[in-house]
Protein backbone atom coordinates (compact mmCIF):
# COMPACT_ATOMS: atom_id res chain seq x y z
CA MET A 1 -17.44 10.90 15.05
CA ALA A 2 -14.86 10.15 12.32
CA GLU A 3 -15.67 10.51 8.76
CA ARG A 4 -17.23 7.65 7.28
CA THR A 5 -15.10 6.37 4.28
CA PRO A 6 -16.39 3.39 2.18
CA TRP A 7 -14.11 0.90 3.70
CA SER A 8 -15.15 1.52 7.29
CA LEU A 9 -16.32 -0.97 9.55
CA SER A 10 -18.49 1.79 12.13
CA GLY A 11 -21.42 0.86 9.57
CA ALA A 12 -21.22 -2.87 10.62
CA LEU A 13 -20.79 -1.93 14.08
CA ARG A 14 -22.55 0.95 14.62
CA GLY A 15 -25.87 -1.51 16.09
CA MET A 16 -23.45 -3.22 18.40
CA PHE A 17 -21.62 -0.37 19.94
CA GLN A 18 -25.27 1.10 20.66
CA ARG A 19 -26.76 -1.78 22.39
CA PRO A 20 -27.07 -1.19 26.24
CA THR A 21 -24.33 -3.88 27.28
CA ILE A 22 -21.40 -6.23 26.28
CA THR A 23 -22.88 -10.05 26.03
CA GLU A 24 -21.81 -13.41 23.87
CA ASP A 25 -23.70 -11.79 20.86
CA THR A 26 -21.48 -8.73 20.74
CA TRP A 27 -18.07 -10.91 20.74
CA ASP A 28 -19.90 -13.15 18.14
CA ASP A 29 -20.80 -10.10 15.71
CA LEU A 30 -17.36 -8.24 16.51
CA GLU A 31 -15.88 -11.47 15.17
CA THR A 32 -17.91 -11.68 12.35
CA ALA A 33 -17.41 -7.96 11.54
CA LEU A 34 -13.54 -8.35 11.54
CA ILE A 35 -13.67 -11.67 9.09
CA GLY A 36 -16.32 -9.81 7.04
CA ALA A 37 -13.44 -7.05 6.55
CA ASP A 38 -10.84 -9.08 5.92
CA PHE A 39 -8.80 -9.09 9.08
CA GLY A 40 -8.38 -13.05 8.48
CA PRO A 41 -8.66 -15.77 11.24
CA ASP A 42 -5.45 -15.30 13.04
CA VAL A 43 -5.67 -11.33 13.43
CA THR A 44 -9.66 -11.65 14.10
CA GLU A 45 -8.86 -14.43 17.00
CA ALA A 46 -5.78 -12.31 18.44
CA VAL A 47 -8.16 -8.70 18.77
CA VAL A 48 -11.09 -10.72 19.92
CA ASP A 49 -8.87 -12.20 22.59
CA GLU A 50 -7.16 -9.14 23.42
CA LEU A 51 -10.52 -7.24 23.71
CA ARG A 52 -12.32 -10.06 26.28
CA ALA A 53 -9.38 -9.65 28.20
CA ASN A 54 -9.32 -5.89 28.40
CA VAL A 55 -13.01 -5.56 29.26
CA GLU A 56 -12.49 -8.44 31.87
CA ARG A 57 -9.41 -6.23 33.37
CA TYR A 58 -11.68 -3.09 33.35
CA ARG A 59 -14.95 -4.90 34.38
CA THR A 60 -16.46 -2.44 31.70
CA THR A 61 -19.95 -3.97 29.97
CA ASP A 62 -20.19 -0.34 28.03
CA PRO A 63 -20.04 -1.20 24.32
CA ARG A 64 -18.60 1.93 24.01
CA ASP A 65 -15.84 1.51 25.87
CA LEU A 66 -15.34 -1.98 23.72
CA GLN A 67 -15.34 0.59 20.56
CA ARG A 68 -12.34 2.82 22.07
CA MET A 69 -10.73 -0.47 22.97
CA LEU A 70 -10.84 -1.84 19.33
CA ARG A 71 -9.91 1.73 17.84
CA GLU A 72 -6.70 1.48 19.90
CA THR A 73 -6.01 -1.86 19.28
CA ILE A 74 -6.11 -1.50 15.79
CA GLU A 75 -3.87 1.63 15.82
CA GLU A 76 -1.31 -0.04 18.45
CA ARG A 77 -0.91 -2.60 16.17
CA LEU A 78 -0.91 -0.65 13.01
CA SER A 79 1.74 1.44 14.63
CA LYS A 80 4.07 -1.24 15.47
CA TYR A 81 5.94 -0.61 11.97
CA ASP A 82 7.48 2.79 10.47
CA THR A 83 5.14 3.95 7.48
CA THR A 84 7.31 6.90 6.54
CA LEU A 85 8.44 7.21 3.13
CA ARG A 86 12.40 7.11 3.22
CA LEU A 87 12.87 10.00 0.50
CA THR A 88 15.58 11.94 1.74
CA GLU A 89 18.54 11.09 -1.20
CA ARG A 90 18.66 13.60 -4.24
CA PRO A 91 17.73 11.54 -6.52
CA ALA A 92 15.60 9.52 -4.36
CA VAL A 93 14.76 6.43 -6.69
CA VAL A 94 11.64 4.60 -5.90
CA LEU A 95 10.97 1.18 -7.48
CA VAL A 96 7.14 0.21 -7.91
CA VAL A 97 6.80 -3.42 -8.14
CA GLY A 98 3.70 -5.81 -8.01
CA VAL A 99 1.63 -8.17 -10.16
CA ASN A 100 -0.01 -6.81 -13.23
CA GLY A 101 -3.63 -5.61 -12.44
CA VAL A 102 -3.20 -4.55 -9.20
CA GLY A 103 -3.15 -0.44 -9.78
CA LYS A 104 0.39 -0.35 -10.41
CA THR A 105 0.50 2.14 -13.48
CA THR A 106 -2.72 4.40 -11.62
CA THR A 107 -0.89 4.19 -8.35
CA ILE A 108 2.58 6.30 -10.14
CA GLY A 109 0.38 8.73 -11.34
CA LYS A 110 -1.00 9.24 -7.64
CA PHE A 111 2.41 8.98 -5.89
CA SER A 112 3.76 11.47 -8.37
CA ARG A 113 0.57 13.78 -7.97
CA PHE A 114 0.82 13.27 -3.94
CA LEU A 115 5.20 14.05 -4.19
CA GLY A 116 4.14 17.02 -6.41
CA THR A 117 1.45 18.44 -3.58
CA TYR A 118 4.97 18.29 -1.24
CA GLY A 119 6.64 20.43 -3.85
CA ARG A 120 8.91 17.87 -5.29
CA SER A 121 10.06 17.18 -8.91
CA VAL A 122 9.25 14.02 -10.28
CA VAL A 123 10.15 11.96 -13.42
CA VAL A 124 9.00 8.66 -13.96
CA GLY A 125 10.86 5.66 -16.02
CA ALA A 126 8.81 3.00 -18.18
CA ALA A 127 10.76 0.26 -17.43
CA ASP A 128 8.15 -2.36 -17.93
CA THR A 129 8.85 -2.67 -21.79
CA PHE A 130 7.32 -5.87 -22.48
CA ARG A 131 4.05 -4.19 -22.58
CA ALA A 132 3.98 -1.92 -24.97
CA ALA A 133 0.53 -0.18 -23.81
CA ALA A 134 1.86 -0.25 -20.18
CA VAL A 135 4.58 2.83 -21.55
CA ASP A 136 1.19 4.62 -23.04
CA GLN A 137 -0.74 4.12 -19.91
CA LEU A 138 2.16 5.27 -17.73
CA ALA A 139 2.72 8.62 -19.85
CA THR A 140 -0.73 9.22 -19.56
CA TRP A 141 -1.14 8.83 -15.55
CA ALA A 142 2.73 10.34 -15.16
CA GLU A 143 1.07 13.39 -17.10
CA ARG A 144 -2.14 13.65 -14.89
CA GLY A 145 0.19 13.84 -12.00
CA GLY A 146 2.60 16.24 -13.18
CA ALA A 147 5.74 14.06 -13.76
CA GLN A 148 8.09 14.03 -16.44
CA ILE A 149 8.64 10.43 -18.05
CA VAL A 150 11.39 8.73 -19.87
CA ARG A 151 10.49 6.24 -22.10
CA PRO A 152 12.12 3.27 -23.87
CA GLN A 153 13.87 4.86 -26.98
CA GLN A 154 12.76 1.22 -28.85
CA GLN A 155 10.20 -1.14 -28.03
CA GLY A 156 11.29 -4.18 -26.13
CA GLN A 157 14.14 -2.00 -24.93
CA ASP A 158 16.48 -3.45 -21.92
CA PRO A 159 14.66 -2.68 -18.79
CA ALA A 160 17.54 -1.77 -16.46
CA SER A 161 18.88 0.67 -19.35
CA VAL A 162 15.62 2.86 -19.09
CA ALA A 163 15.95 3.00 -15.56
CA PHE A 164 19.37 3.85 -15.69
CA GLN A 165 18.19 6.62 -18.33
CA THR A 166 15.92 7.75 -15.68
CA VAL A 167 18.16 8.20 -13.05
CA GLU A 168 20.55 9.80 -15.33
CA PHE A 169 18.10 12.18 -16.57
CA ALA A 170 16.95 13.18 -12.70
CA LYS A 171 20.57 13.74 -11.99
CA ARG A 172 21.19 16.11 -14.79
CA THR A 173 18.07 18.01 -14.36
CA GLY A 174 18.26 18.14 -10.79
CA THR A 175 14.71 16.24 -10.45
CA GLU A 176 14.47 14.81 -6.89
CA ILE A 177 12.26 11.91 -6.97
CA VAL A 178 12.57 9.14 -9.82
CA ILE A 179 10.05 6.59 -9.82
CA ILE A 180 10.44 3.58 -11.76
CA ASP A 181 7.61 1.38 -13.08
CA THR A 182 8.78 -2.46 -13.36
CA ALA A 183 7.40 -5.55 -15.34
CA GLY A 184 4.70 -7.28 -13.29
CA ARG A 185 4.86 -10.36 -15.28
CA LEU A 186 7.40 -12.64 -17.30
CA HIS A 187 7.51 -16.32 -18.76
CA THR A 188 8.90 -17.42 -15.24
CA LYS A 189 9.29 -16.03 -12.03
CA GLY A 190 13.11 -16.48 -11.97
CA GLY A 191 13.11 -14.27 -14.95
CA LEU A 192 11.21 -11.50 -13.32
CA MET A 193 13.39 -11.57 -9.84
CA ASP A 194 16.49 -11.75 -12.43
CA GLU A 195 15.43 -8.54 -14.28
CA LEU A 196 14.19 -6.13 -10.63
CA THR A 197 18.19 -7.50 -9.80
CA LYS A 198 19.52 -6.15 -12.78
CA ILE A 199 17.52 -3.03 -12.43
CA ARG A 200 18.64 -2.57 -9.07
CA ARG A 201 22.24 -3.08 -9.69
CA VAL A 202 22.43 -0.97 -12.36
CA VAL A 203 20.46 2.01 -10.75
CA GLU A 204 22.56 1.92 -7.44
CA LYS A 205 25.99 2.73 -9.99
CA GLN A 206 24.25 6.26 -9.79
CA ALA A 207 22.27 6.51 -6.75
CA PRO A 208 20.91 4.52 -3.81
CA ILE A 209 17.66 3.04 -3.95
CA ALA A 210 15.43 4.92 -1.32
CA GLU A 211 12.51 2.63 -1.26
CA VAL A 212 10.69 -0.58 -3.12
CA LEU A 213 7.09 -0.41 -3.28
CA LEU A 214 4.35 -3.46 -3.77
CA VAL A 215 1.52 -2.78 -4.93
CA LEU A 216 -1.48 -4.68 -3.53
CA ASP A 217 -4.89 -4.61 -4.45
CA ALA A 218 -7.40 -4.72 -1.11
CA THR A 219 -9.98 -6.41 -3.15
CA THR A 220 -8.17 -9.83 -3.86
CA GLY A 221 -7.13 -9.72 -0.47
CA GLN A 222 -5.08 -13.12 0.72
CA ASN A 223 -5.08 -14.39 -2.99
CA GLY A 224 -3.25 -10.82 -4.24
CA LEU A 225 -0.51 -11.58 -1.37
CA ALA A 226 -0.21 -14.94 -2.42
CA GLN A 227 0.45 -13.89 -5.76
CA ALA A 228 2.86 -10.88 -4.58
CA GLN A 229 5.11 -13.35 -2.17
CA ALA A 230 8.11 -13.70 -4.84
CA PHE A 231 8.27 -9.59 -5.14
CA ILE A 232 8.44 -10.03 -1.18
CA GLU A 233 11.15 -12.58 -0.98
CA HIS A 234 13.40 -11.75 -3.29
CA ALA A 235 12.77 -7.97 -4.73
CA GLY A 236 13.81 -6.03 -1.26
CA VAL A 237 10.67 -4.55 -0.61
CA THR A 238 10.95 -1.87 1.80
CA GLY A 239 7.15 -0.44 2.06
CA LEU A 240 3.27 -1.84 0.75
CA VAL A 241 0.78 0.30 -1.11
CA VAL A 242 -2.34 -1.16 -0.74
CA THR A 243 -4.80 0.15 -3.44
CA LYS A 244 -8.70 -0.21 -3.97
CA LEU A 245 -9.59 0.41 -0.14
CA ASP A 246 -12.48 2.20 -1.74
CA GLY A 247 -16.15 0.43 -1.98
CA SER A 248 -14.34 -3.20 -0.93
CA ALA A 249 -14.92 -3.44 3.33
CA LYS A 250 -11.51 -4.69 3.22
CA GLY A 251 -10.14 -2.44 5.56
CA GLY A 252 -8.94 -5.44 7.96
CA PHE A 253 -6.20 -6.12 5.08
CA VAL A 254 -4.44 -3.22 5.73
CA LEU A 255 -3.24 -4.70 9.21
CA ALA A 256 -3.71 -8.58 8.51
CA VAL A 257 -0.86 -7.87 5.50
CA GLN A 258 1.89 -5.79 7.45
CA GLU A 259 1.56 -8.30 10.44
CA GLN A 260 1.64 -11.07 7.93
CA THR A 261 4.50 -9.47 5.86
CA GLY A 262 6.23 -7.50 8.74
CA ILE A 263 6.17 -4.57 6.08
CA PRO A 264 5.14 -1.43 6.78
CA ILE A 265 2.09 0.05 4.93
CA LYS A 266 3.34 3.19 3.24
CA LEU A 267 0.53 4.53 1.25
CA VAL A 268 -3.19 3.63 0.91
CA GLY A 269 -5.14 4.03 -2.30
CA GLN A 270 -8.67 4.97 -1.63
CA GLY A 271 -10.65 6.16 -4.87
CA GLU A 272 -10.04 6.27 -8.61
CA GLY A 273 -9.32 9.93 -8.60
CA ILE A 274 -5.49 11.12 -8.98
CA GLY A 275 -5.84 12.69 -5.92
CA ASP A 276 -7.12 9.55 -3.93
CA LEU A 277 -3.43 8.32 -2.97
CA THR A 278 -2.19 9.22 1.09
CA GLY A 279 0.65 8.87 3.26
CA PHE A 280 -0.63 6.34 5.86
CA THR A 281 -1.30 7.24 9.16
CA PRO A 282 -2.37 4.74 11.99
CA HIS A 283 -4.11 6.94 13.89
CA VAL A 284 -6.21 8.28 11.60
CA PHE A 285 -6.68 4.91 9.57
CA ALA A 286 -8.03 2.99 13.04
CA GLN A 287 -10.33 6.59 13.78
CA LYS A 288 -11.94 6.01 10.30
CA LEU A 289 -12.27 2.20 10.12
CA VAL A 290 -13.97 2.12 13.65
CA GLY A 291 -15.64 4.95 13.84
């Protein structure tokens, strides 16, 4: 059996798949479990309809067949998107965006460690200059992740100039990956998007932007997605990072958010530790989720 995870559906489903036969109660319980795991009503309905059709087509009454079909359906839906991180440029520049409070700072530290395990050198740019504490927090996590950091030279420095200096540092030192932290909140959404546009423009004078990663908190579910909508519309997001999957029983949010946005999930955070961020593999995720 797959390794248990705190966000696994398998606990909720185990009793159902051990019953002698598939009944209407099975479908009711499956629907309840999927809704409870934050698949959302639309995705839940689509998955259940597809499974009903498959069960009828193959004329099975064995709940273990249903379990396998559920796993395959989730994997197939997740696999519609390319989850590969595009980091072949040197330096490869990654902008990290998202509303405050989703775990952006810790994600950057964990992402640095993740890249370090593949032998990549990393520098982090502290371009969220509007919160003084943000720079110190980022420095702590960058250090934990084994990355160097470029700080603002004075408080309230223009974020785009910090981003420029970070790319400049990477080019001068031969550092392979640049991760740029950005503000999660300004006085207006328009101002925030203008700031991101400026950062992009300044960075792209020196190096192409490889990825724009939007960090989402799985525990906030649909609310978090609504809050992040401006980033999706205006920031040129190329991939999603879903944090706080641990202990939230919100594994379904991974599928729901990918289908709603059309943007692939590239990284998932499953704990508080520095090593608890991993690349996203649909097969592994579906296996762990369903059991």
